[in-house]
Amino acid sequence: IISMTGNTDMLIENFKNIIKYQTDLLLIQCKKNRIQIIGKNLKLEQYNKEEVKINGIILEIKFL
């Protein structure tokens, strides 16, 4: 489940793990695919085994 508020906040639920975390790139493994988030000043605002909340300027989202 992916929820967004504008282009600055994103909540991803039921993910497996975070593969790559940089301030301009985030790669998240889900059950069936990966989500690539490209942006500026990306931060993990909340992170636990069930959900991750991302804050920053989100420019692009790709499903790989």
Protein backbone atom coordinates (compact mmCIF):
# COMPACT_ATOMS: atom_id res chain seq x y z
CA ILE A 1 0.00 0.00 0.00
CA ILE A 2 1.40 3.39 -1.03
CA SER A 3 -0.03 6.68 0.20
CA MET A 4 1.21 10.13 -0.81
CA THR A 5 0.55 13.67 0.33
CA GLY A 6 1.58 16.02 -2.45
CA ASN A 7 5.12 15.34 -3.60
CA THR A 8 6.71 15.63 -0.15
CA ASP A 9 5.39 12.72 1.96
CA MET A 10 5.05 9.04 1.12
CA LEU A 11 4.00 6.08 3.24
CA ILE A 12 4.73 2.53 2.07
CA GLU A 13 3.19 -0.36 3.99
CA ASN A 14 3.94 -4.11 3.80
CA PHE A 15 7.41 -3.83 2.27
CA LYS A 16 10.22 -6.36 2.70
CA ASN A 17 13.36 -4.22 3.07
CA ILE A 18 15.26 -1.13 1.98
CA ILE A 19 17.90 -2.01 -0.58
CA LYS A 20 19.45 1.43 -1.08
CA TYR A 21 19.07 4.68 0.83
CA GLN A 22 20.61 7.96 -0.29
CA THR A 23 19.32 11.53 -0.03
CA ASP A 24 18.45 11.49 -3.75
CA LEU A 25 17.59 7.80 -4.31
CA LEU A 26 15.63 5.19 -2.39
CA LEU A 27 15.17 1.59 -3.53
CA ILE A 28 12.61 -0.52 -1.64
CA GLN A 29 11.93 -4.23 -2.10
CA CYS A 30 8.27 -5.23 -1.95
CA LYS A 31 6.77 -8.70 -2.29
CA LYS A 32 6.48 -8.73 -6.09
CA ASN A 33 8.56 -5.76 -7.29
CA ARG A 34 10.87 -2.93 -6.30
CA ILE A 35 10.00 0.72 -5.91
CA GLN A 36 12.59 3.31 -6.91
CA ILE A 37 12.07 6.82 -5.56
CA ILE A 38 14.13 9.68 -6.96
CA GLY A 39 14.08 13.05 -5.24
CA LYS A 40 15.90 15.65 -3.17
CA ASN A 41 16.61 15.62 0.56
CA LEU A 42 14.87 12.27 1.04
CA LYS A 43 14.68 11.18 4.68
CA LEU A 44 13.24 8.17 6.45
CA GLU A 45 10.91 9.91 8.85
CA GLN A 46 9.51 6.67 10.27
CA TYR A 47 10.80 3.15 9.74
CA ASN A 48 9.73 -0.15 11.25
CA LYS A 49 9.07 -3.69 10.02
CA GLU A 50 5.57 -2.83 8.79
CA GLU A 51 5.91 0.62 7.17
CA VAL A 52 8.29 3.31 6.05
CA LYS A 53 7.46 7.02 5.86
CA ILE A 54 9.55 9.10 3.48
CA ASN A 55 9.87 12.87 3.60
CA GLY A 56 11.52 15.14 1.01
CA ILE A 57 10.89 16.34 -2.50
CA ILE A 58 9.76 13.31 -4.52
CA LEU A 59 10.45 13.81 -8.21
CA GLU A 60 9.93 10.35 -9.69
CA ILE A 61 8.56 6.93 -8.71
CA LYS A 62 9.33 3.78 -10.73
CA PHE A 63 8.11 0.23 -10.28
CA LEU A 64 10.88 -2.18 -11.28
